[in-house]
Amino acid sequence: MKKILLAALSALFFLGCSSNATPETVKPALVVQQSLESIKLNDQFEVSHELDAQTQKVIFAFSKDIGHACNEFLATKAPEYLQENKTIFVADVSGAPSLIRSMFILPGLKDFKHTVWVLQDKDIAATYKAGVESDKIVLVSLQNKIITDIQTFTTTQELEIAIQK
């Protein structure tokens, strides 16, 4: 009797742990013809930034590898490269545990001469990731804070060509 009861409880436990729930639907923030005006993020020095009407492109790096590739590419450019090209770089670090972010990632970002807007909140990051290929470099083109185009790239060489167009 104990074995049957134990088996029944085990079965209920495992059935209860298997989830058929679908992930919560997230409204994508990166959609052509949609405004990106609401983006407000801190940079690696905790300075708050908002999008201005002069910004023409926003680079998003949603993964560690893509972030490293973009930072390595930007490190080879003049400190004014992003500003001169009316471009912003956003790195998503929301997937890292907060201890790792605060002890290693954010201090490491301070070594870069270019400005890095930092996405730290998973819920906010999810809206920017929704509907795009987050395993690639994402380049959003803007006109007066309205998204006119979204491109993805696998290499920083492709990114450089697109930035300079």
C-alpha atoms as a PDB file:
ATOM      1  CA  MET A   1       0.000   0.000   0.000  1.00  0.00           C
ATOM      2  CA  LYS A   2       2.862   2.374   0.857  1.00  0.00           C
ATOM      3  CA  LYS A   3       4.504   1.671  -2.497  1.00  0.00           C
ATOM      4  CA  ILE A   4       1.286   2.438  -4.371  1.00  0.00           C
ATOM      5  CA  LEU A   5       0.785   5.662  -2.428  1.00  0.00           C
ATOM      6  CA  LEU A   6       4.424   6.653  -2.972  1.00  0.00           C
ATOM      7  CA  ALA A   7       4.144   5.890  -6.704  1.00  0.00           C
ATOM      8  CA  ALA A   8       0.935   7.940  -6.960  1.00  0.00           C
ATOM      9  CA  LEU A   9       2.510  10.901  -5.138  1.00  0.00           C
ATOM     10  CA  SER A  10       5.616  10.682  -7.327  1.00  0.00           C
ATOM     11  CA  ALA A  11       3.489  10.615 -10.474  1.00  0.00           C
ATOM     12  CA  LEU A  12       1.493  13.637  -9.296  1.00  0.00           C
ATOM     13  CA  PHE A  13       4.699  15.471  -8.436  1.00  0.00           C
ATOM     14  CA  PHE A  14       6.231  14.908 -11.871  1.00  0.00           C
ATOM     15  CA  LEU A  15       2.982  15.687 -13.665  1.00  0.00           C
ATOM     16  CA  GLY A  16       2.674  18.861 -11.635  1.00  0.00           C
ATOM     17  CA  CYS A  17       6.213  19.881 -12.555  1.00  0.00           C
ATOM     18  CA  SER A  18       5.726  19.430 -16.270  1.00  0.00           C
ATOM     19  CA  SER A  19       4.416  22.663 -17.614  1.00  0.00           C
ATOM     20  CA  ASN A  20       2.245  23.038 -20.656  1.00  0.00           C
ATOM     21  CA  ALA A  21       2.024  26.752 -20.017  1.00  0.00           C
ATOM     22  CA  THR A  22       3.106  28.930 -22.890  1.00  0.00           C
ATOM     23  CA  PRO A  23       5.506  31.767 -22.230  1.00  0.00           C
ATOM     24  CA  GLU A  24       3.846  35.056 -21.520  1.00  0.00           C
ATOM     25  CA  THR A  25       3.255  36.951 -24.732  1.00  0.00           C
ATOM     26  CA  VAL A  26       5.555  39.930 -24.988  1.00  0.00           C
ATOM     27  CA  LYS A  27       4.725  42.886 -27.189  1.00  0.00           C
ATOM     28  CA  PRO A  28       7.748  43.474 -29.454  1.00  0.00           C
ATOM     29  CA  ALA A  29       9.411  46.872 -29.084  1.00  0.00           C
ATOM     30  CA  LEU A  30      11.349  46.633 -32.347  1.00  0.00           C
ATOM     31  CA  VAL A  31       8.748  46.926 -35.089  1.00  0.00           C
ATOM     32  CA  VAL A  32       9.072  48.909 -38.327  1.00  0.00           C
ATOM     33  CA  GLN A  33       6.958  52.105 -38.216  1.00  0.00           C
ATOM     34  CA  GLN A  34       6.858  51.971 -34.407  1.00  0.00           C
ATOM     35  CA  SER A  35       8.447  54.637 -32.212  1.00  0.00           C
ATOM     36  CA  LEU A  36      11.528  53.857 -30.177  1.00  0.00           C
ATOM     37  CA  GLU A  37      11.066  57.050 -28.191  1.00  0.00           C
ATOM     38  CA  SER A  38      10.453  55.241 -24.903  1.00  0.00           C
ATOM     39  CA  ILE A  39      13.947  53.736 -24.679  1.00  0.00           C
ATOM     40  CA  LYS A  40      15.690  55.107 -21.582  1.00  0.00           C
ATOM     41  CA  LEU A  41      18.740  53.252 -20.321  1.00  0.00           C
ATOM     42  CA  ASN A  42      21.826  53.813 -18.229  1.00  0.00           C
ATOM     43  CA  ASP A  43      25.257  53.488 -19.743  1.00  0.00           C
ATOM     44  CA  GLN A  44      28.180  51.598 -18.229  1.00  0.00           C
ATOM     45  CA  PHE A  45      28.823  54.556 -15.885  1.00  0.00           C
ATOM     46  CA  GLU A  46      25.191  54.614 -14.638  1.00  0.00           C
ATOM     47  CA  VAL A  47      24.476  57.821 -16.597  1.00  0.00           C
ATOM     48  CA  SER A  48      20.881  57.885 -17.842  1.00  0.00           C
ATOM     49  CA  HIS A  49      20.297  58.321 -21.581  1.00  0.00           C
ATOM     50  CA  GLU A  50      17.266  58.905 -23.770  1.00  0.00           C
ATOM     51  CA  LEU A  51      17.005  58.642 -27.511  1.00  0.00           C
ATOM     52  CA  ASP A  52      17.260  61.959 -29.318  1.00  0.00           C
ATOM     53  CA  ALA A  53      15.820  62.850 -32.722  1.00  0.00           C
ATOM     54  CA  GLN A  54      19.306  62.927 -34.293  1.00  0.00           C
ATOM     55  CA  THR A  55      19.934  59.225 -33.658  1.00  0.00           C
ATOM     56  CA  GLN A  56      19.755  57.288 -36.914  1.00  0.00           C
ATOM     57  CA  LYS A  57      20.832  53.802 -35.851  1.00  0.00           C
ATOM     58  CA  VAL A  58      20.762  51.609 -32.755  1.00  0.00           C
ATOM     59  CA  ILE A  59      22.893  48.478 -32.478  1.00  0.00           C
ATOM     60  CA  PHE A  60      21.525  45.771 -30.176  1.00  0.00           C
ATOM     61  CA  ALA A  61      23.669  42.908 -28.842  1.00  0.00           C
ATOM     62  CA  PHE A  62      21.475  40.388 -27.045  1.00  0.00           C
ATOM     63  CA  SER A  63      24.047  37.655 -26.395  1.00  0.00           C
ATOM     64  CA  LYS A  64      27.437  37.528 -24.730  1.00  0.00           C
ATOM     65  CA  ASP A  65      29.248  36.517 -27.931  1.00  0.00           C
ATOM     66  CA  ILE A  66      27.583  39.224 -30.017  1.00  0.00           C
ATOM     67  CA  GLY A  67      28.295  41.801 -27.303  1.00  0.00           C
ATOM     68  CA  HIS A  68      31.970  40.825 -27.233  1.00  0.00           C
ATOM     69  CA  ALA A  69      32.205  41.004 -31.030  1.00  0.00           C
ATOM     70  CA  CYS A  70      30.588  44.458 -31.126  1.00  0.00           C
ATOM     71  CA  ASN A  71      32.758  45.789 -28.293  1.00  0.00           C
ATOM     72  CA  GLU A  72      35.913  44.444 -29.960  1.00  0.00           C
ATOM     73  CA  PHE A  73      34.864  46.117 -33.229  1.00  0.00           C
ATOM     74  CA  LEU A  74      34.039  49.437 -31.538  1.00  0.00           C
ATOM     75  CA  ALA A  75      37.318  49.333 -29.590  1.00  0.00           C
ATOM     76  CA  THR A  76      39.156  49.596 -32.928  1.00  0.00           C
ATOM     77  CA  LYS A  77      37.325  52.829 -33.765  1.00  0.00           C
ATOM     78  CA  ALA A  78      37.787  56.376 -32.520  1.00  0.00           C
ATOM     79  CA  PRO A  79      35.880  57.207 -29.316  1.00  0.00           C
ATOM     80  CA  GLU A  80      33.604  59.489 -31.374  1.00  0.00           C
ATOM     81  CA  TYR A  81      32.751  56.798 -33.973  1.00  0.00           C
ATOM     82  CA  LEU A  82      29.256  56.086 -32.673  1.00  0.00           C
ATOM     83  CA  GLN A  83      28.410  59.743 -32.152  1.00  0.00           C
ATOM     84  CA  GLU A  84      29.755  60.759 -35.576  1.00  0.00           C
ATOM     85  CA  ASN A  85      27.627  58.054 -37.180  1.00  0.00           C
ATOM     86  CA  LYS A  86      24.562  59.020 -35.087  1.00  0.00           C
ATOM     87  CA  THR A  87      24.521  55.515 -33.654  1.00  0.00           C
ATOM     88  CA  ILE A  88      23.906  54.049 -30.200  1.00  0.00           C
ATOM     89  CA  PHE A  89      25.139  50.679 -28.933  1.00  0.00           C
ATOM     90  CA  VAL A  90      22.895  48.719 -26.542  1.00  0.00           C
ATOM     91  CA  ALA A  91      24.195  45.599 -24.774  1.00  0.00           C
ATOM     92  CA  ASP A  92      21.781  43.205 -23.085  1.00  0.00           C
ATOM     93  CA  VAL A  93      23.281  41.839 -19.870  1.00  0.00           C
ATOM     94  CA  SER A  94      19.934  40.866 -18.339  1.00  0.00           C
ATOM     95  CA  GLY A  95      20.619  37.148 -18.719  1.00  0.00           C
ATOM     96  CA  ALA A  96      23.590  37.235 -16.361  1.00  0.00           C
ATOM     97  CA  PRO A  97      23.048  36.777 -12.613  1.00  0.00           C
ATOM     98  CA  SER A  98      23.030  40.139 -10.805  1.00  0.00           C
ATOM     99  CA  LEU A  99      26.170  39.281  -8.820  1.00  0.00           C
ATOM    100  CA  ILE A 100      28.103  38.525 -12.023  1.00  0.00           C
ATOM    101  CA  ARG A 101      26.737  41.712 -13.632  1.00  0.00           C
ATOM    102  CA  SER A 102      27.741  43.952 -10.752  1.00  0.00           C
ATOM    103  CA  MET A 103      31.132  42.363 -10.022  1.00  0.00           C
ATOM    104  CA  PHE A 104      32.427  41.606 -13.507  1.00  0.00           C
ATOM    105  CA  ILE A 105      30.346  42.723 -16.485  1.00  0.00           C
ATOM    106  CA  LEU A 106      29.596  46.349 -15.581  1.00  0.00           C
ATOM    107  CA  PRO A 107      33.127  47.092 -14.324  1.00  0.00           C
ATOM    108  CA  GLY A 108      34.486  45.499 -17.514  1.00  0.00           C
ATOM    109  CA  LEU A 109      32.298  47.727 -19.683  1.00  0.00           C
ATOM    110  CA  LYS A 110      33.824  50.793 -18.022  1.00  0.00           C
ATOM    111  CA  ASP A 111      37.115  50.011 -19.764  1.00  0.00           C
ATOM    112  CA  PHE A 112      35.631  50.821 -23.183  1.00  0.00           C
ATOM    113  CA  LYS A 113      36.075  54.271 -24.690  1.00  0.00           C
ATOM    114  CA  HIS A 114      32.699  54.047 -26.447  1.00  0.00           C
ATOM    115  CA  THR A 115      29.373  54.474 -24.681  1.00  0.00           C
ATOM    116  CA  VAL A 116      27.412  51.292 -23.998  1.00  0.00           C
ATOM    117  CA  TRP A 117      23.745  51.571 -23.080  1.00  0.00           C
ATOM    118  CA  VAL A 118      23.023  48.628 -20.795  1.00  0.00           C
ATOM    119  CA  LEU A 119      19.831  46.547 -20.725  1.00  0.00           C
ATOM    120  CA  GLN A 120      19.731  44.981 -17.249  1.00  0.00           C
ATOM    121  CA  ASP A 121      16.035  44.180 -16.765  1.00  0.00           C
ATOM    122  CA  LYS A 122      14.897  40.817 -18.217  1.00  0.00           C
ATOM    123  CA  ASP A 123      11.335  41.995 -18.807  1.00  0.00           C
ATOM    124  CA  ILE A 124      12.424  45.101 -20.692  1.00  0.00           C
ATOM    125  CA  ALA A 125      15.032  43.120 -22.646  1.00  0.00           C
ATOM    126  CA  ALA A 126      12.365  40.589 -23.641  1.00  0.00           C
ATOM    127  CA  THR A 127      10.392  43.301 -25.448  1.00  0.00           C
ATOM    128  CA  TYR A 128      13.429  44.245 -27.532  1.00  0.00           C
ATOM    129  CA  LYS A 129      14.311  40.602 -28.270  1.00  0.00           C
ATOM    130  CA  ALA A 130      10.772  39.643 -29.296  1.00  0.00           C
ATOM    131  CA  GLY A 131      10.457  39.143 -33.026  1.00  0.00           C
ATOM    132  CA  VAL A 132      14.143  39.638 -33.905  1.00  0.00           C
ATOM    133  CA  GLU A 133      17.034  37.233 -34.393  1.00  0.00           C
ATOM    134  CA  SER A 134      18.597  37.803 -30.989  1.00  0.00           C
ATOM    135  CA  ASP A 135      21.554  35.524 -31.760  1.00  0.00           C
ATOM    136  CA  LYS A 136      22.802  38.049 -34.344  1.00  0.00           C
ATOM    137  CA  ILE A 137      23.814  41.706 -34.354  1.00  0.00           C
ATOM    138  CA  VAL A 138      20.591  43.706 -34.671  1.00  0.00           C
ATOM    139  CA  LEU A 139      20.739  47.129 -36.320  1.00  0.00           C
ATOM    140  CA  VAL A 140      17.666  49.339 -36.089  1.00  0.00           C
ATOM    141  CA  SER A 141      17.456  52.333 -38.434  1.00  0.00           C
ATOM    142  CA  LEU A 142      15.509  55.372 -37.255  1.00  0.00           C
ATOM    143  CA  GLN A 143      14.095  58.597 -38.579  1.00  0.00           C
ATOM    144  CA  ASN A 144      12.799  60.992 -35.904  1.00  0.00           C
ATOM    145  CA  LYS A 145      12.742  58.098 -33.394  1.00  0.00           C
ATOM    146  CA  ILE A 146      10.539  55.981 -35.706  1.00  0.00           C
ATOM    147  CA  ILE A 147      11.900  52.586 -36.781  1.00  0.00           C
ATOM    148  CA  THR A 148      12.346  52.512 -40.558  1.00  0.00           C
ATOM    149  CA  ASP A 149      14.292  49.258 -40.911  1.00  0.00           C
ATOM    150  CA  ILE A 150      15.610  46.334 -38.867  1.00  0.00           C
ATOM    151  CA  GLN A 151      18.613  44.372 -40.122  1.00  0.00           C
ATOM    152  CA  THR A 152      20.568  41.493 -38.635  1.00  0.00           C
ATOM    153  CA  PHE A 153      24.208  40.662 -39.248  1.00  0.00           C
ATOM    154  CA  THR A 154      26.534  37.822 -38.391  1.00  0.00           C
ATOM    155  CA  THR A 155      29.753  39.825 -38.749  1.00  0.00           C
ATOM    156  CA  THR A 156      30.979  43.216 -37.627  1.00  0.00           C
ATOM    157  CA  GLN A 157      32.201  43.858 -41.183  1.00  0.00           C
ATOM    158  CA  GLU A 158      28.578  43.775 -42.366  1.00  0.00           C
ATOM    159  CA  LEU A 159      27.641  46.011 -39.450  1.00  0.00           C
ATOM    160  CA  GLU A 160      30.335  48.545 -40.314  1.00  0.00           C
ATOM    161  CA  ILE A 161      29.115  48.827 -43.910  1.00  0.00           C
ATOM    162  CA  ALA A 162      25.528  49.340 -42.721  1.00  0.00           C
ATOM    163  CA  ILE A 163      26.515  51.967 -40.130  1.00  0.00           C
ATOM    164  CA  GLN A 164      28.383  54.013 -42.697  1.00  0.00           C
ATOM    165  CA  LYS A 165      25.525  54.024 -45.238  1.00  0.00           C
END
